[in-house]
Amino acid sequence: MTADRPVRVCVDAVGGDKAPSEVLMGVAAALRALPDVSVTLVGPDEVVTPFADKHERVIAHPATETIGMDEHPASAVRSKKDSSIVVGCRLVREGEADAFFSAGSTGACMAAATLVMGRIRGVARPAIATVIPTAGAPAVLLDVGANADCKAEHLVAFAHMGAAYARRVLDVTEPRVALLNIGEEPTKGSALAIEAHEAMSAVVPGFVGNIEGRDVLSGEIDVIVTDGFTGNVTLKLLEGTSKTLLSQIKSEMTATPIRTVAAAVLAPGLKGLKARLDPDAYGGAPLLGVRGVCIIGHGSSNAYAVSQAIRVATTAVRNDLTNAIAEAVESPRT
């Protein structure tokens, strides 16, 4: 690990619903917080050059094309060679940047990272991971949308990659890994779940078996593995529940004058809870399994989310996440 090495993060200036304003504010915040980090800003010349001129550790890299949210990801990546997403991934592949971040089209980011950066040897399917808050330390959930249909060997690879991320980015020494299922018994669930349980038991260090949905937030598991369809549904359910719960708490606490007074007393604790549940705090979703660090932000990413994504990308680079995943996938420990 090289905790003090300078890192250059390539940022898509026009990715996301709130780009470029929130992206630029996020970059500025990250530069203030991370003195050893520099940024290559990719996007239209009229956006990236003026910003770079005002910030010492920013290099402008103009790109003449953008990929819209409604475009077919793979087709757009192949046809728009000078789009901000493709250029950003190419800069990582060529060694001109250490990591890439975009809050643009998730599909296009996946396609560009896979086609341009390339897959790590032994990874058939890169996976999108996300960090979720729990009753204990945050946990890694993957896949959350890259692969709706999976085979058992894909889930095994996800387990190795998620554990590597937990070790290198979340600083978990010995990650506890579990398979998301409808029961704890090894024989429960679909044919895929049963086969994956058997395979993971044989080759995944720290595998503790199945975990049910009710235990996802228990804090007892560090890495939760599932297919992209189930993972995406789980993630959206957690996000929706969190949003609804906080809204209902606010509504109840301000329903009467007396409750409003009580709410003022509880405000610091409630703000702390809201901060813990805020998905922006965890810095976007890493695409694991490609030959480079690629962080995908939510389409609605604000400046805080962008700055946190740059922070996470920096940690992943300094802790050599890509090589850690390669070692885990190519030489599984028993």
C-alpha atoms as a PDB file:
ATOM      1  CA  MET A   1       0.000   0.000   0.000  1.00  0.00           C
ATOM      2  CA  THR A   2       1.189   3.522  -0.829  1.00  0.00           C
ATOM      3  CA  ALA A   3      -0.919   5.714   1.391  1.00  0.00           C
ATOM      4  CA  ASP A   4       0.920   8.953   0.555  1.00  0.00           C
ATOM      5  CA  ARG A   5       1.326   8.620  -3.224  1.00  0.00           C
ATOM      6  CA  PRO A   6      -0.063  11.441  -5.377  1.00  0.00           C
ATOM      7  CA  VAL A   7      -3.206  10.408  -7.236  1.00  0.00           C
ATOM      8  CA  ARG A   8      -4.774  11.799 -10.390  1.00  0.00           C
ATOM      9  CA  VAL A   9      -8.515  11.217 -10.737  1.00  0.00           C
ATOM     10  CA  CYS A  10     -10.224  11.742 -14.081  1.00  0.00           C
ATOM     11  CA  VAL A  11     -13.695  13.255 -13.655  1.00  0.00           C
ATOM     12  CA  ASP A  12     -16.507  13.414 -16.198  1.00  0.00           C
ATOM     13  CA  ALA A  13     -17.572  17.062 -16.036  1.00  0.00           C
ATOM     14  CA  VAL A  14     -20.894  16.541 -17.797  1.00  0.00           C
ATOM     15  CA  GLY A  15     -22.097  13.304 -16.205  1.00  0.00           C
ATOM     16  CA  GLY A  16     -25.288  13.432 -14.153  1.00  0.00           C
ATOM     17  CA  ASP A  17     -28.506  15.388 -13.850  1.00  0.00           C
ATOM     18  CA  LYS A  18     -26.829  18.265 -11.992  1.00  0.00           C
ATOM     19  CA  ALA A  19     -23.741  18.569 -14.181  1.00  0.00           C
ATOM     20  CA  PRO A  20     -21.651  20.536 -14.720  1.00  0.00           C
ATOM     21  CA  SER A  21     -22.287  22.883 -11.775  1.00  0.00           C
ATOM     22  CA  GLU A  22     -22.460  20.280  -8.992  1.00  0.00           C
ATOM     23  CA  VAL A  23     -19.608  18.284 -10.509  1.00  0.00           C
ATOM     24  CA  LEU A  24     -17.347  21.321 -10.564  1.00  0.00           C
ATOM     25  CA  MET A  25     -18.246  22.247  -6.989  1.00  0.00           C
ATOM     26  CA  GLY A  26     -17.545  18.674  -5.936  1.00  0.00           C
ATOM     27  CA  VAL A  27     -14.148  18.701  -7.610  1.00  0.00           C
ATOM     28  CA  ALA A  28     -13.279  21.969  -5.880  1.00  0.00           C
ATOM     29  CA  ALA A  29     -14.301  20.517  -2.508  1.00  0.00           C
ATOM     30  CA  ALA A  30     -12.228  17.396  -3.087  1.00  0.00           C
ATOM     31  CA  LEU A  31      -9.168  19.449  -4.007  1.00  0.00           C
ATOM     32  CA  ARG A  32      -9.479  21.387  -0.761  1.00  0.00           C
ATOM     33  CA  ALA A  33      -9.792  18.212   1.300  1.00  0.00           C
ATOM     34  CA  LEU A  34      -7.187  16.103  -0.514  1.00  0.00           C
ATOM     35  CA  PRO A  35      -3.944  18.038  -0.998  1.00  0.00           C
ATOM     36  CA  ASP A  36      -2.121  15.195  -2.767  1.00  0.00           C
ATOM     37  CA  VAL A  37      -4.879  14.650  -5.338  1.00  0.00           C
ATOM     38  CA  SER A  38      -5.106  16.245  -8.765  1.00  0.00           C
ATOM     39  CA  VAL A  39      -7.945  16.067 -11.271  1.00  0.00           C
ATOM     40  CA  THR A  40      -8.175  15.699 -15.016  1.00  0.00           C
ATOM     41  CA  LEU A  41     -11.502  17.190 -16.002  1.00  0.00           C
ATOM     42  CA  VAL A  42     -13.036  15.774 -19.185  1.00  0.00           C
ATOM     43  CA  GLY A  43     -15.847  17.441 -21.085  1.00  0.00           C
ATOM     44  CA  PRO A  44     -16.671  20.332 -23.406  1.00  0.00           C
ATOM     45  CA  ASP A  45     -13.841  22.832 -23.722  1.00  0.00           C
ATOM     46  CA  GLU A  46     -16.035  25.710 -22.600  1.00  0.00           C
ATOM     47  CA  VAL A  47     -16.719  23.871 -19.340  1.00  0.00           C
ATOM     48  CA  VAL A  48     -13.388  22.295 -18.400  1.00  0.00           C
ATOM     49  CA  THR A  49     -10.838  24.917 -19.547  1.00  0.00           C
ATOM     50  CA  PRO A  50     -12.124  27.918 -17.529  1.00  0.00           C
ATOM     51  CA  PHE A  51     -12.343  25.748 -14.419  1.00  0.00           C
ATOM     52  CA  ALA A  52      -8.814  24.394 -14.905  1.00  0.00           C
ATOM     53  CA  ASP A  53      -7.484  27.907 -15.398  1.00  0.00           C
ATOM     54  CA  LYS A  54      -8.722  28.796 -11.906  1.00  0.00           C
ATOM     55  CA  HIS A  55      -7.500  25.651 -10.115  1.00  0.00           C
ATOM     56  CA  GLU A  56      -3.830  24.758  -9.873  1.00  0.00           C
ATOM     57  CA  ARG A  57      -4.230  20.969  -9.626  1.00  0.00           C
ATOM     58  CA  VAL A  58      -6.728  20.596 -12.462  1.00  0.00           C
ATOM     59  CA  ILE A  59      -5.921  19.714 -16.067  1.00  0.00           C
ATOM     60  CA  ALA A  60      -8.547  20.293 -18.736  1.00  0.00           C
ATOM     61  CA  HIS A  61      -9.010  17.527 -21.301  1.00  0.00           C
ATOM     62  CA  PRO A  62     -11.646  18.667 -23.805  1.00  0.00           C
ATOM     63  CA  ALA A  63     -13.997  16.055 -25.265  1.00  0.00           C
ATOM     64  CA  THR A  64     -16.299  16.863 -28.139  1.00  0.00           C
ATOM     65  CA  GLU A  65     -19.037  14.302 -27.470  1.00  0.00           C
ATOM     66  CA  THR A  66     -21.315  13.226 -24.639  1.00  0.00           C
ATOM     67  CA  ILE A  67     -23.358  10.075 -24.085  1.00  0.00           C
ATOM     68  CA  GLY A  68     -26.963  10.664 -23.080  1.00  0.00           C
ATOM     69  CA  MET A  69     -28.880   8.654 -20.521  1.00  0.00           C
ATOM     70  CA  ASP A  70     -31.276   7.416 -23.204  1.00  0.00           C
ATOM     71  CA  GLU A  71     -28.616   6.110 -25.603  1.00  0.00           C
ATOM     72  CA  HIS A  72     -27.791   2.429 -26.012  1.00  0.00           C
ATOM     73  CA  PRO A  73     -24.663   2.079 -23.839  1.00  0.00           C
ATOM     74  CA  ALA A  74     -22.492  -0.263 -25.913  1.00  0.00           C
ATOM     75  CA  SER A  75     -23.438   1.346 -29.224  1.00  0.00           C
ATOM     76  CA  ALA A  76     -22.761   4.826 -27.892  1.00  0.00           C
ATOM     77  CA  VAL A  77     -19.391   3.798 -26.491  1.00  0.00           C
ATOM     78  CA  ARG A  78     -18.361   2.306 -29.828  1.00  0.00           C
ATOM     79  CA  SER A  79     -19.574   5.238 -31.929  1.00  0.00           C
ATOM     80  CA  LYS A  80     -18.635   8.154 -29.670  1.00  0.00           C
ATOM     81  CA  LYS A  81     -14.897   7.696 -29.254  1.00  0.00           C
ATOM     82  CA  ASP A  82     -14.454  11.296 -28.090  1.00  0.00           C
ATOM     83  CA  SER A  83     -17.177  11.232 -25.464  1.00  0.00           C
ATOM     84  CA  SER A  84     -16.234  12.217 -21.915  1.00  0.00           C
ATOM     85  CA  ILE A  85     -16.864   8.698 -20.609  1.00  0.00           C
ATOM     86  CA  VAL A  86     -14.804   6.907 -23.259  1.00  0.00           C
ATOM     87  CA  VAL A  87     -11.976   9.448 -23.048  1.00  0.00           C
ATOM     88  CA  GLY A  88     -11.895   9.160 -19.263  1.00  0.00           C
ATOM     89  CA  CYS A  89     -11.584   5.379 -19.378  1.00  0.00           C
ATOM     90  CA  ARG A  90      -8.914   5.658 -22.071  1.00  0.00           C
ATOM     91  CA  LEU A  91      -6.840   8.010 -19.918  1.00  0.00           C
ATOM     92  CA  VAL A  92      -6.855   5.395 -17.148  1.00  0.00           C
ATOM     93  CA  ARG A  93      -5.889   2.631 -19.564  1.00  0.00           C
ATOM     94  CA  GLU A  94      -3.007   4.719 -20.922  1.00  0.00           C
ATOM     95  CA  GLY A  95      -1.736   5.582 -17.454  1.00  0.00           C
ATOM     96  CA  GLU A  96      -2.519   9.305 -17.680  1.00  0.00           C
ATOM     97  CA  ALA A  97      -5.007   8.980 -14.818  1.00  0.00           C
ATOM     98  CA  ASP A  98      -5.251   6.593 -11.861  1.00  0.00           C
ATOM     99  CA  ALA A  99      -9.037   6.438 -11.611  1.00  0.00           C
ATOM    100  CA  PHE A 100     -12.203   7.571 -13.364  1.00  0.00           C
ATOM    101  CA  PHE A 101     -15.450   8.925 -11.961  1.00  0.00           C
ATOM    102  CA  SER A 102     -18.706   9.698 -13.726  1.00  0.00           C
ATOM    103  CA  ALA A 103     -22.289  10.290 -12.639  1.00  0.00           C
ATOM    104  CA  GLY A 104     -23.429   9.815 -16.226  1.00  0.00           C
ATOM    105  CA  SER A 105     -25.043   6.791 -17.839  1.00  0.00           C
ATOM    106  CA  THR A 106     -24.335   3.734 -15.697  1.00  0.00           C
ATOM    107  CA  GLY A 107     -24.588   1.452 -18.710  1.00  0.00           C
ATOM    108  CA  ALA A 108     -22.158   3.575 -20.706  1.00  0.00           C
ATOM    109  CA  CYS A 109     -19.676   3.679 -17.807  1.00  0.00           C
ATOM    110  CA  MET A 110     -19.850  -0.114 -17.523  1.00  0.00           C
ATOM    111  CA  ALA A 111     -19.456  -0.604 -21.260  1.00  0.00           C
ATOM    112  CA  ALA A 112     -16.590   1.867 -21.581  1.00  0.00           C
ATOM    113  CA  ALA A 113     -14.706   0.531 -18.570  1.00  0.00           C
ATOM    114  CA  THR A 114     -15.103  -3.052 -19.778  1.00  0.00           C
ATOM    115  CA  LEU A 115     -14.275  -2.377 -23.435  1.00  0.00           C
ATOM    116  CA  VAL A 116     -11.602   0.291 -22.956  1.00  0.00           C
ATOM    117  CA  MET A 117      -9.932  -0.572 -19.653  1.00  0.00           C
ATOM    118  CA  GLY A 118     -10.522  -4.297 -20.109  1.00  0.00           C
ATOM    119  CA  ARG A 119     -11.431  -7.013 -17.610  1.00  0.00           C
ATOM    120  CA  ILE A 120      -9.104  -8.443 -15.001  1.00  0.00           C
ATOM    121  CA  ARG A 121      -8.008 -11.943 -15.925  1.00  0.00           C
ATOM    122  CA  GLY A 122     -10.401 -14.441 -14.365  1.00  0.00           C
ATOM    123  CA  VAL A 123     -13.323 -11.998 -14.196  1.00  0.00           C
ATOM    124  CA  ALA A 124     -16.056 -12.998 -16.627  1.00  0.00           C
ATOM    125  CA  ARG A 125     -18.523 -10.394 -15.349  1.00  0.00           C
ATOM    126  CA  PRO A 126     -17.507  -7.103 -13.700  1.00  0.00           C
ATOM    127  CA  ALA A 127     -19.900  -6.183 -10.899  1.00  0.00           C
ATOM    128  CA  ILE A 128     -21.207  -2.955  -9.445  1.00  0.00           C
ATOM    129  CA  ALA A 129     -20.728  -2.796  -5.693  1.00  0.00           C
ATOM    130  CA  THR A 130     -22.189  -0.323  -3.239  1.00  0.00           C
ATOM    131  CA  VAL A 131     -21.525   0.425   0.399  1.00  0.00           C
ATOM    132  CA  ILE A 132     -24.601   0.362   2.611  1.00  0.00           C
ATOM    133  CA  PRO A 133     -25.017   1.558   6.213  1.00  0.00           C
ATOM    134  CA  THR A 134     -25.806  -1.089   8.817  1.00  0.00           C
ATOM    135  CA  ALA A 135     -26.295  -1.316  12.575  1.00  0.00           C
ATOM    136  CA  GLY A 136     -22.529  -1.786  12.762  1.00  0.00           C
ATOM    137  CA  ALA A 137     -19.872  -0.880  10.237  1.00  0.00           C
ATOM    138  CA  PRO A 138     -20.845  -0.269   6.596  1.00  0.00           C
ATOM    139  CA  ALA A 139     -21.127  -3.361   4.373  1.00  0.00           C
ATOM    140  CA  VAL A 140     -20.476  -4.050   0.696  1.00  0.00           C
ATOM    141  CA  LEU A 141     -23.434  -5.242  -1.404  1.00  0.00           C
ATOM    142  CA  LEU A 142     -22.821  -6.636  -4.897  1.00  0.00           C
ATOM    143  CA  ASP A 143     -23.857  -7.011  -7.642  1.00  0.00           C
ATOM    144  CA  VAL A 144     -26.397  -4.169  -7.674  1.00  0.00           C
ATOM    145  CA  GLY A 145     -27.274  -4.020 -11.344  1.00  0.00           C
ATOM    146  CA  ALA A 146     -24.549  -5.004 -13.776  1.00  0.00           C
ATOM    147  CA  ASN A 147     -25.612  -8.642 -14.204  1.00  0.00           C
ATOM    148  CA  ALA A 148     -29.293  -9.541 -13.962  1.00  0.00           C
ATOM    149  CA  ASP A 149     -28.583 -13.177 -14.853  1.00  0.00           C
ATOM    150  CA  CYS A 150     -25.679 -14.953 -13.207  1.00  0.00           C
ATOM    151  CA  LYS A 151     -24.023 -18.323 -12.829  1.00  0.00           C
ATOM    152  CA  ALA A 152     -22.572 -19.698  -9.621  1.00  0.00           C
ATOM    153  CA  GLU A 153     -19.000 -18.980 -10.726  1.00  0.00           C
ATOM    154  CA  HIS A 154     -19.925 -15.321 -11.224  1.00  0.00           C
ATOM    155  CA  LEU A 155     -21.148 -15.069  -7.642  1.00  0.00           C
ATOM    156  CA  VAL A 156     -17.925 -16.667  -6.437  1.00  0.00           C
ATOM    157  CA  ALA A 157     -15.945 -14.004  -8.286  1.00  0.00           C
ATOM    158  CA  PHE A 158     -18.203 -11.299  -6.822  1.00  0.00           C
ATOM    159  CA  ALA A 159     -17.420 -12.629  -3.353  1.00  0.00           C
ATOM    160  CA  HIS A 160     -13.664 -12.424  -3.940  1.00  0.00           C
ATOM    161  CA  MET A 161     -13.941  -8.917  -5.409  1.00  0.00           C
ATOM    162  CA  GLY A 162     -16.224  -7.643  -2.656  1.00  0.00           C
ATOM    163  CA  ALA A 163     -13.915  -8.995   0.026  1.00  0.00           C
ATOM    164  CA  ALA A 164     -10.935  -7.302  -1.620  1.00  0.00           C
ATOM    165  CA  TYR A 165     -12.858  -4.010  -1.646  1.00  0.00           C
ATOM    166  CA  ALA A 166     -13.794  -4.405   2.020  1.00  0.00           C
ATOM    167  CA  ARG A 167     -10.158  -5.035   2.936  1.00  0.00           C
ATOM    168  CA  ARG A 168      -8.568  -2.308   0.835  1.00  0.00           C
ATOM    169  CA  VAL A 169     -11.161   0.484   1.009  1.00  0.00           C
ATOM    170  CA  LEU A 170     -13.172  -0.157   4.188  1.00  0.00           C
ATOM    171  CA  ASP A 171     -10.159  -1.467   6.157  1.00  0.00           C
ATOM    172  CA  VAL A 172     -11.835  -4.735   7.203  1.00  0.00           C
ATOM    173  CA  THR A 173      -9.057  -7.188   8.090  1.00  0.00           C
ATOM    174  CA  GLU A 174     -11.023 -10.419   7.686  1.00  0.00           C
ATOM    175  CA  PRO A 175     -14.300  -9.740   5.836  1.00  0.00           C
ATOM    176  CA  ARG A 176     -17.289 -11.907   6.674  1.00  0.00           C
ATOM    177  CA  VAL A 177     -18.929 -12.884   3.397  1.00  0.00           C
ATOM    178  CA  ALA A 178     -22.513 -14.103   2.957  1.00  0.00           C
ATOM    179  CA  LEU A 179     -24.847 -15.079   0.129  1.00  0.00           C
ATOM    180  CA  LEU A 180     -28.234 -13.314   0.067  1.00  0.00           C
ATOM    181  CA  ASN A 181     -30.953 -15.979   0.079  1.00  0.00           C
ATOM    182  CA  ILE A 182     -34.454 -16.785   1.330  1.00  0.00           C
ATOM    183  CA  GLY A 183     -33.192 -19.014   4.134  1.00  0.00           C
ATOM    184  CA  GLU A 184     -30.052 -19.739   6.104  1.00  0.00           C
ATOM    185  CA  GLU A 185     -29.868 -23.462   5.285  1.00  0.00           C
ATOM    186  CA  PRO A 186     -27.464 -24.484   2.469  1.00  0.00           C
ATOM    187  CA  THR A 187     -30.279 -26.282   0.653  1.00  0.00           C
ATOM    188  CA  LYS A 188     -32.629 -23.265   0.597  1.00  0.00           C
ATOM    189  CA  GLY A 189     -33.297 -21.033  -2.383  1.00  0.00           C
ATOM    190  CA  SER A 190     -33.028 -21.325  -6.135  1.00  0.00           C
ATOM    191  CA  ALA A 191     -30.795 -23.762  -7.991  1.00  0.00           C
ATOM    192  CA  LEU A 192     -28.349 -20.885  -8.489  1.00  0.00           C
ATOM    193  CA  ALA A 193     -28.258 -20.098  -4.766  1.00  0.00           C
ATOM    194  CA  ILE A 194     -27.709 -23.731  -3.791  1.00  0.00           C
ATOM    195  CA  GLU A 195     -24.913 -24.176  -6.325  1.00  0.00           C
ATOM    196  CA  ALA A 196     -23.308 -20.844  -5.385  1.00  0.00           C
ATOM    197  CA  HIS A 197     -23.414 -21.717  -1.676  1.00  0.00           C
ATOM    198  CA  GLU A 198     -21.549 -24.966  -2.322  1.00  0.00           C
ATOM    199  CA  ALA A 199     -18.968 -23.261  -4.535  1.00  0.00           C
ATOM    200  CA  MET A 200     -18.396 -20.332  -2.168  1.00  0.00           C
ATOM    201  CA  SER A 201     -18.026 -22.652   0.796  1.00  0.00           C
ATOM    202  CA  ALA A 202     -15.110 -24.323  -0.948  1.00  0.00           C
ATOM    203  CA  VAL A 203     -13.035 -21.341  -2.068  1.00  0.00           C
ATOM    204  CA  VAL A 204     -14.145 -18.060  -0.445  1.00  0.00           C
ATOM    205  CA  PRO A 205     -12.261 -17.110   2.751  1.00  0.00           C
ATOM    206  CA  GLY A 206     -14.573 -15.810   5.467  1.00  0.00           C
ATOM    207  CA  PHE A 207     -17.721 -17.256   3.894  1.00  0.00           C
ATOM    208  CA  VAL A 208     -20.312 -17.697   6.659  1.00  0.00           C
ATOM    209  CA  GLY A 209     -23.214 -19.039   4.579  1.00  0.00           C
ATOM    210  CA  ASN A 210     -26.582 -17.594   3.626  1.00  0.00           C
ATOM    211  CA  ILE A 211     -28.085 -14.381   4.942  1.00  0.00           C
ATOM    212  CA  GLU A 212     -31.765 -13.444   4.748  1.00  0.00           C
ATOM    213  CA  GLY A 213     -33.075 -10.026   3.752  1.00  0.00           C
ATOM    214  CA  ARG A 214     -34.012  -9.142   7.325  1.00  0.00           C
ATOM    215  CA  ASP A 215     -30.353  -9.456   8.369  1.00  0.00           C
ATOM    216  CA  VAL A 216     -28.790  -7.331   5.619  1.00  0.00           C
ATOM    217  CA  LEU A 217     -28.565  -4.320   7.951  1.00  0.00           C
ATOM    218  CA  SER A 218     -27.613  -6.269  11.075  1.00  0.00           C
ATOM    219  CA  GLY A 219     -23.951  -5.294  10.892  1.00  0.00           C
ATOM    220  CA  GLU A 220     -22.872  -8.933  11.237  1.00  0.00           C
ATOM    221  CA  ILE A 221     -21.772  -9.291   7.590  1.00  0.00           C
ATOM    222  CA  ASP A 222     -19.148  -7.276   5.702  1.00  0.00           C
ATOM    223  CA  VAL A 223     -19.809  -8.484   2.136  1.00  0.00           C
ATOM    224  CA  ILE A 224     -23.248  -9.494   0.840  1.00  0.00           C
ATOM    225  CA  VAL A 225     -23.265 -11.303  -2.507  1.00  0.00           C
ATOM    226  CA  THR A 226     -26.154 -11.729  -4.926  1.00  0.00           C
ATOM    227  CA  ASP A 227     -27.074 -11.426  -8.603  1.00  0.00           C
ATOM    228  CA  GLY A 228     -27.567  -7.974 -10.129  1.00  0.00           C
ATOM    229  CA  PHE A 229     -31.357  -8.231 -10.324  1.00  0.00           C
ATOM    230  CA  THR A 230     -31.815  -9.114  -6.651  1.00  0.00           C
ATOM    231  CA  GLY A 231     -29.098  -6.703  -5.591  1.00  0.00           C
ATOM    232  CA  ASN A 232     -30.661  -3.776  -7.423  1.00  0.00           C
ATOM    233  CA  VAL A 233     -34.101  -4.481  -5.954  1.00  0.00           C
ATOM    234  CA  THR A 234     -32.545  -4.758  -2.484  1.00  0.00           C
ATOM    235  CA  LEU A 235     -30.633  -1.504  -2.866  1.00  0.00           C
ATOM    236  CA  LYS A 236     -33.639   0.454  -4.151  1.00  0.00           C
ATOM    237  CA  LEU A 237     -35.800  -0.966  -1.350  1.00  0.00           C
ATOM    238  CA  LEU A 238     -33.239   0.140   1.251  1.00  0.00           C
ATOM    239  CA  GLU A 239     -32.991   3.610  -0.280  1.00  0.00           C
ATOM    240  CA  GLY A 240     -36.762   3.980  -0.466  1.00  0.00           C
ATOM    241  CA  THR A 241     -37.269   2.737   3.082  1.00  0.00           C
ATOM    242  CA  SER A 242     -34.629   5.116   4.413  1.00  0.00           C
ATOM    243  CA  LYS A 243     -36.158   8.097   2.621  1.00  0.00           C
ATOM    244  CA  THR A 244     -39.683   7.245   3.752  1.00  0.00           C
ATOM    245  CA  LEU A 245     -38.619   6.574   7.338  1.00  0.00           C
ATOM    246  CA  LEU A 246     -36.787   9.886   7.673  1.00  0.00           C
ATOM    247  CA  SER A 247     -39.734  11.721   6.108  1.00  0.00           C
ATOM    248  CA  GLN A 248     -42.189  10.092   8.512  1.00  0.00           C
ATOM    249  CA  ILE A 249     -39.987  10.851  11.517  1.00  0.00           C
ATOM    250  CA  LYS A 250     -39.803  14.509  10.495  1.00  0.00           C
ATOM    251  CA  SER A 251     -43.566  14.649   9.954  1.00  0.00           C
ATOM    252  CA  GLU A 252     -44.355  13.103  13.340  1.00  0.00           C
ATOM    253  CA  MET A 253     -41.799  15.217  15.211  1.00  0.00           C
ATOM    254  CA  THR A 254     -43.269  18.467  13.861  1.00  0.00           C
ATOM    255  CA  ALA A 255     -46.968  17.558  14.008  1.00  0.00           C
ATOM    256  CA  THR A 256     -47.649  19.621  17.175  1.00  0.00           C
ATOM    257  CA  PRO A 257     -45.925  22.539  18.953  1.00  0.00           C
ATOM    258  CA  ILE A 258     -44.826  20.270  21.807  1.00  0.00           C
ATOM    259  CA  ARG A 259     -43.308  17.753  19.415  1.00  0.00           C
ATOM    260  CA  THR A 260     -41.542  20.566  17.586  1.00  0.00           C
ATOM    261  CA  VAL A 261     -39.865  21.608  20.850  1.00  0.00           C
ATOM    262  CA  ALA A 262     -38.852  17.998  21.469  1.00  0.00           C
ATOM    263  CA  ALA A 263     -37.531  17.760  17.933  1.00  0.00           C
ATOM    264  CA  ALA A 264     -35.191  20.669  18.597  1.00  0.00           C
ATOM    265  CA  VAL A 265     -33.679  18.707  21.480  1.00  0.00           C
ATOM    266  CA  LEU A 266     -33.306  15.588  19.341  1.00  0.00           C
ATOM    267  CA  ALA A 267     -32.050  17.447  16.270  1.00  0.00           C
ATOM    268  CA  PRO A 268     -28.323  16.624  16.676  1.00  0.00           C
ATOM    269  CA  GLY A 269     -29.047  12.909  16.965  1.00  0.00           C
ATOM    270  CA  LEU A 270     -31.458  12.944  14.037  1.00  0.00           C
ATOM    271  CA  LYS A 271     -28.919  14.779  11.875  1.00  0.00           C
ATOM    272  CA  GLY A 272     -26.351  12.134  12.754  1.00  0.00           C
ATOM    273  CA  LEU A 273     -28.791   9.394  11.755  1.00  0.00           C
ATOM    274  CA  LYS A 274     -29.559  11.131   8.477  1.00  0.00           C
ATOM    275  CA  ALA A 275     -25.846  11.458   7.726  1.00  0.00           C
ATOM    276  CA  ARG A 276     -25.295   7.740   8.337  1.00  0.00           C
ATOM    277  CA  LEU A 277     -28.135   6.830   6.000  1.00  0.00           C
ATOM    278  CA  ASP A 278     -27.072   9.249   3.254  1.00  0.00           C
ATOM    279  CA  PRO A 279     -25.855   7.186   0.257  1.00  0.00           C
ATOM    280  CA  ASP A 280     -23.820  10.165  -0.984  1.00  0.00           C
ATOM    281  CA  ALA A 281     -21.479   9.735   1.977  1.00  0.00           C
ATOM    282  CA  TYR A 282     -20.126   6.457   0.607  1.00  0.00           C
ATOM    283  CA  GLY A 283     -18.779   7.870  -2.634  1.00  0.00           C
ATOM    284  CA  GLY A 284     -20.567   6.197  -5.503  1.00  0.00           C
ATOM    285  CA  ALA A 285     -20.479   2.600  -6.685  1.00  0.00           C
ATOM    286  CA  PRO A 286     -17.205   0.997  -7.796  1.00  0.00           C
ATOM    287  CA  LEU A 287     -17.238  -1.204 -10.884  1.00  0.00           C
ATOM    288  CA  LEU A 288     -15.165  -4.161  -9.724  1.00  0.00           C
ATOM    289  CA  GLY A 289     -13.366  -6.489 -12.094  1.00  0.00           C
ATOM    290  CA  VAL A 290     -11.991  -4.011 -14.649  1.00  0.00           C
ATOM    291  CA  ARG A 291      -8.328  -3.100 -15.014  1.00  0.00           C
ATOM    292  CA  GLY A 292      -8.541   0.244 -13.321  1.00  0.00           C
ATOM    293  CA  VAL A 293     -10.502   2.096 -10.677  1.00  0.00           C
ATOM    294  CA  CYS A 294     -13.908   3.164 -11.989  1.00  0.00           C
ATOM    295  CA  ILE A 295     -16.446   4.809  -9.688  1.00  0.00           C
ATOM    296  CA  ILE A 296     -20.005   5.301 -10.930  1.00  0.00           C
ATOM    297  CA  GLY A 297     -22.080   8.010  -9.289  1.00  0.00           C
ATOM    298  CA  HIS A 298     -25.840   8.255  -9.041  1.00  0.00           C
ATOM    299  CA  GLY A 299     -27.445  10.370 -11.745  1.00  0.00           C
ATOM    300  CA  SER A 300     -28.611  12.857  -9.118  1.00  0.00           C
ATOM    301  CA  SER A 301     -25.165  13.206  -7.519  1.00  0.00           C
ATOM    302  CA  ASN A 302     -24.598  16.566  -5.835  1.00  0.00           C
ATOM    303  CA  ALA A 303     -21.301  18.254  -5.011  1.00  0.00           C
ATOM    304  CA  TYR A 304     -20.909  16.283  -1.783  1.00  0.00           C
ATOM    305  CA  ALA A 305     -21.402  12.976  -3.590  1.00  0.00           C
ATOM    306  CA  VAL A 306     -18.839  13.961  -6.223  1.00  0.00           C
ATOM    307  CA  SER A 307     -16.238  14.934  -3.627  1.00  0.00           C
ATOM    308  CA  GLN A 308     -16.808  11.697  -1.716  1.00  0.00           C
ATOM    309  CA  ALA A 309     -16.458   9.674  -4.918  1.00  0.00           C
ATOM    310  CA  ILE A 310     -13.088  11.282  -5.580  1.00  0.00           C
ATOM    311  CA  ARG A 311     -12.065  10.446  -2.022  1.00  0.00           C
ATOM    312  CA  VAL A 312     -13.066   6.794  -2.422  1.00  0.00           C
ATOM    313  CA  ALA A 313     -11.304   6.572  -5.779  1.00  0.00           C
ATOM    314  CA  THR A 314      -8.158   7.948  -4.170  1.00  0.00           C
ATOM    315  CA  THR A 315      -8.303   5.379  -1.364  1.00  0.00           C
ATOM    316  CA  ALA A 316      -8.816   2.548  -3.866  1.00  0.00           C
ATOM    317  CA  VAL A 317      -5.807   3.654  -5.920  1.00  0.00           C
ATOM    318  CA  ARG A 318      -3.495   4.139  -2.956  1.00  0.00           C
ATOM    319  CA  ASN A 319      -4.449   0.764  -1.517  1.00  0.00           C
ATOM    320  CA  ASP A 320      -3.898  -0.990  -4.873  1.00  0.00           C
ATOM    321  CA  LEU A 321      -7.449  -2.289  -5.170  1.00  0.00           C
ATOM    322  CA  THR A 322      -7.127  -3.457  -8.787  1.00  0.00           C
ATOM    323  CA  ASN A 323      -4.165  -5.728  -8.081  1.00  0.00           C
ATOM    324  CA  ALA A 324      -5.800  -6.983  -4.886  1.00  0.00           C
ATOM    325  CA  ILE A 325      -8.847  -8.072  -6.883  1.00  0.00           C
ATOM    326  CA  ALA A 326      -6.641  -9.701  -9.523  1.00  0.00           C
ATOM    327  CA  GLU A 327      -4.805 -11.695  -6.868  1.00  0.00           C
ATOM    328  CA  ALA A 328      -8.026 -12.751  -5.152  1.00  0.00           C
ATOM    329  CA  VAL A 329      -9.743 -13.865  -8.366  1.00  0.00           C
ATOM    330  CA  GLU A 330      -6.746 -15.558 -10.003  1.00  0.00           C
ATOM    331  CA  SER A 331      -5.485 -17.337  -6.896  1.00  0.00           C
ATOM    332  CA  PRO A 332      -8.447 -18.035  -4.591  1.00  0.00           C
ATOM    333  CA  ARG A 333      -7.408 -18.919  -1.071  1.00  0.00           C
ATOM    334  CA  THR A 334      -8.896 -21.903   0.675  1.00  0.00           C
END
